[in-house]
């Protein structure tokens, strides 16, 4: 990927930007426990957009090898580097 902007906050519809946004929202909401509204506010989007992107990510993880590979790379790198931070944040969100 040759990305020169913040892929989360950009409005670009290029596939590489959309894929990275999908992965960001999916990880933030499903794995870390960010509320939909918080994820939306961070990127200037409505919570319904975040719901759509999470559904899209789930579908692409199941059907698209390229997307699944990108997701796996990002997920593995993040969990390797920040596993303790994610665990602590998830526990805070649950209580």
C-alpha atoms as a PDB file:
ATOM      1  CA  UNK A   1       0.000   0.000   0.000  1.00  0.00           C
ATOM      2  CA  UNK A   2       1.181   3.459  -0.856  1.00  0.00           C
ATOM      3  CA  UNK A   3      -0.885   5.590   1.499  1.00  0.00           C
ATOM      4  CA  UNK A   4       0.028   9.230   1.974  1.00  0.00           C
ATOM      5  CA  UNK A   5      -2.941  10.388   4.078  1.00  0.00           C
ATOM      6  CA  UNK A   6      -4.539   9.310   7.312  1.00  0.00           C
ATOM      7  CA  UNK A   7      -6.716   6.479   5.960  1.00  0.00           C
ATOM      8  CA  UNK A   8      -9.139   6.685   8.865  1.00  0.00           C
ATOM      9  CA  UNK A   9     -10.076  10.341   8.496  1.00  0.00           C
ATOM     10  CA  UNK A  10      -9.902  10.685   4.714  1.00  0.00           C
ATOM     11  CA  UNK A  11     -13.066  10.632   2.612  1.00  0.00           C
ATOM     12  CA  UNK A  12     -11.368   8.743  -0.219  1.00  0.00           C
ATOM     13  CA  UNK A  13     -13.251   5.814  -1.726  1.00  0.00           C
ATOM     14  CA  UNK A  14     -10.122   4.120  -3.009  1.00  0.00           C
ATOM     15  CA  UNK A  15     -10.173   0.455  -2.091  1.00  0.00           C
ATOM     16  CA  UNK A  16      -6.986   0.555  -0.012  1.00  0.00           C
ATOM     17  CA  UNK A  17      -8.364   3.388   2.132  1.00  0.00           C
ATOM     18  CA  UNK A  18     -11.761   1.735   2.557  1.00  0.00           C
ATOM     19  CA  UNK A  19     -10.162  -1.582   3.517  1.00  0.00           C
ATOM     20  CA  UNK A  20      -7.972   0.052   6.155  1.00  0.00           C
ATOM     21  CA  UNK A  21     -10.957   1.937   7.576  1.00  0.00           C
ATOM     22  CA  UNK A  22     -12.943  -1.313   7.743  1.00  0.00           C
ATOM     23  CA  UNK A  23     -10.141  -3.023   9.630  1.00  0.00           C
ATOM     24  CA  UNK A  24      -9.690  -0.055  11.973  1.00  0.00           C
ATOM     25  CA  UNK A  25     -13.377   0.081  12.908  1.00  0.00           C
ATOM     26  CA  UNK A  26     -13.663  -3.685  13.200  1.00  0.00           C
ATOM     27  CA  UNK A  27     -10.675  -3.902  15.538  1.00  0.00           C
ATOM     28  CA  UNK A  28     -11.706  -0.837  17.530  1.00  0.00           C
ATOM     29  CA  UNK A  29     -15.297  -1.941  18.078  1.00  0.00           C
ATOM     30  CA  UNK A  30     -15.190  -5.730  18.075  1.00  0.00           C
ATOM     31  CA  UNK A  31     -11.832  -6.443  19.690  1.00  0.00           C
ATOM     32  CA  UNK A  32     -11.067  -3.405  21.826  1.00  0.00           C
ATOM     33  CA  UNK A  33     -14.617  -2.472  22.773  1.00  0.00           C
ATOM     34  CA  UNK A  34     -14.794   1.104  21.490  1.00  0.00           C
ATOM     35  CA  UNK A  35     -18.369   2.382  21.366  1.00  0.00           C
ATOM     36  CA  UNK A  36     -19.671   2.961  17.832  1.00  0.00           C
ATOM     37  CA  UNK A  37     -20.232   6.637  18.559  1.00  0.00           C
ATOM     38  CA  UNK A  38     -16.633   7.121  19.734  1.00  0.00           C
ATOM     39  CA  UNK A  39     -15.219   5.439  16.634  1.00  0.00           C
ATOM     40  CA  UNK A  40     -17.485   7.587  14.468  1.00  0.00           C
ATOM     41  CA  UNK A  41     -16.520  10.821  16.201  1.00  0.00           C
ATOM     42  CA  UNK A  42     -12.834  10.036  15.786  1.00  0.00           C
ATOM     43  CA  UNK A  43     -13.217   9.836  12.030  1.00  0.00           C
ATOM     44  CA  UNK A  44     -16.066  12.289  11.492  1.00  0.00           C
ATOM     45  CA  UNK A  45     -18.625   9.628  10.627  1.00  0.00           C
ATOM     46  CA  UNK A  46     -22.001   8.592  11.957  1.00  0.00           C
ATOM     47  CA  UNK A  47     -22.352   5.449  14.089  1.00  0.00           C
ATOM     48  CA  UNK A  48     -24.419   3.851  11.318  1.00  0.00           C
ATOM     49  CA  UNK A  49     -21.423   4.137   9.007  1.00  0.00           C
ATOM     50  CA  UNK A  50     -19.366   2.274  11.578  1.00  0.00           C
ATOM     51  CA  UNK A  51     -22.010  -0.475  11.778  1.00  0.00           C
ATOM     52  CA  UNK A  52     -21.906  -0.801   7.980  1.00  0.00           C
ATOM     53  CA  UNK A  53     -18.105  -0.943   7.912  1.00  0.00           C
ATOM     54  CA  UNK A  54     -18.043  -3.628  10.624  1.00  0.00           C
ATOM     55  CA  UNK A  55     -20.504  -5.766   8.662  1.00  0.00           C
ATOM     56  CA  UNK A  56     -18.445  -5.196   5.533  1.00  0.00           C
ATOM     57  CA  UNK A  57     -15.259  -6.246   7.353  1.00  0.00           C
ATOM     58  CA  UNK A  58     -16.887  -9.439   8.613  1.00  0.00           C
ATOM     59  CA  UNK A  59     -18.080 -10.322   5.110  1.00  0.00           C
ATOM     60  CA  UNK A  60     -14.697  -9.556   3.537  1.00  0.00           C
ATOM     61  CA  UNK A  61     -12.812 -11.576   6.156  1.00  0.00           C
ATOM     62  CA  UNK A  62     -14.918 -14.579   5.153  1.00  0.00           C
ATOM     63  CA  UNK A  63     -14.790 -14.110   1.373  1.00  0.00           C
ATOM     64  CA  UNK A  64     -11.795 -12.027   0.248  1.00  0.00           C
ATOM     65  CA  UNK A  65      -8.328 -13.584   0.592  1.00  0.00           C
ATOM     66  CA  UNK A  66      -6.478 -10.292   0.047  1.00  0.00           C
ATOM     67  CA  UNK A  67      -8.556  -8.506   2.707  1.00  0.00           C
ATOM     68  CA  UNK A  68      -8.236 -11.451   5.125  1.00  0.00           C
ATOM     69  CA  UNK A  69      -4.458 -11.417   4.688  1.00  0.00           C
ATOM     70  CA  UNK A  70      -4.253  -7.652   5.331  1.00  0.00           C
ATOM     71  CA  UNK A  71      -6.510  -8.012   8.376  1.00  0.00           C
ATOM     72  CA  UNK A  72      -4.360 -10.859   9.736  1.00  0.00           C
ATOM     73  CA  UNK A  73      -1.151  -8.887   9.305  1.00  0.00           C
ATOM     74  CA  UNK A  74      -2.552  -5.828  11.070  1.00  0.00           C
ATOM     75  CA  UNK A  75      -4.263  -7.840  13.816  1.00  0.00           C
ATOM     76  CA  UNK A  76      -1.161  -9.926  14.539  1.00  0.00           C
ATOM     77  CA  UNK A  77       1.139  -6.906  14.641  1.00  0.00           C
ATOM     78  CA  UNK A  78      -1.163  -4.977  16.941  1.00  0.00           C
ATOM     79  CA  UNK A  79      -1.806  -7.837  19.325  1.00  0.00           C
ATOM     80  CA  UNK A  80       1.888  -8.642  19.480  1.00  0.00           C
ATOM     81  CA  UNK A  81       2.848  -5.070  20.350  1.00  0.00           C
ATOM     82  CA  UNK A  82      -0.096  -3.948  22.446  1.00  0.00           C
ATOM     83  CA  UNK A  83      -1.682  -7.084  23.909  1.00  0.00           C
ATOM     84  CA  UNK A  84      -1.550  -5.814  27.492  1.00  0.00           C
ATOM     85  CA  UNK A  85      -3.050  -2.436  26.566  1.00  0.00           C
ATOM     86  CA  UNK A  86      -5.966  -4.076  24.711  1.00  0.00           C
ATOM     87  CA  UNK A  87      -6.692  -6.437  27.576  1.00  0.00           C
ATOM     88  CA  UNK A  88      -6.729  -3.607  30.082  1.00  0.00           C
ATOM     89  CA  UNK A  89      -8.961  -1.427  27.928  1.00  0.00           C
ATOM     90  CA  UNK A  90     -11.402  -4.241  27.180  1.00  0.00           C
ATOM     91  CA  UNK A  91     -11.738  -4.976  30.891  1.00  0.00           C
ATOM     92  CA  UNK A  92     -12.449  -1.292  31.590  1.00  0.00           C
ATOM     93  CA  UNK A  93     -15.163  -1.208  28.911  1.00  0.00           C
ATOM     94  CA  UNK A  94     -16.903  -4.278  30.333  1.00  0.00           C
ATOM     95  CA  UNK A  95     -17.193  -2.888  33.852  1.00  0.00           C
END
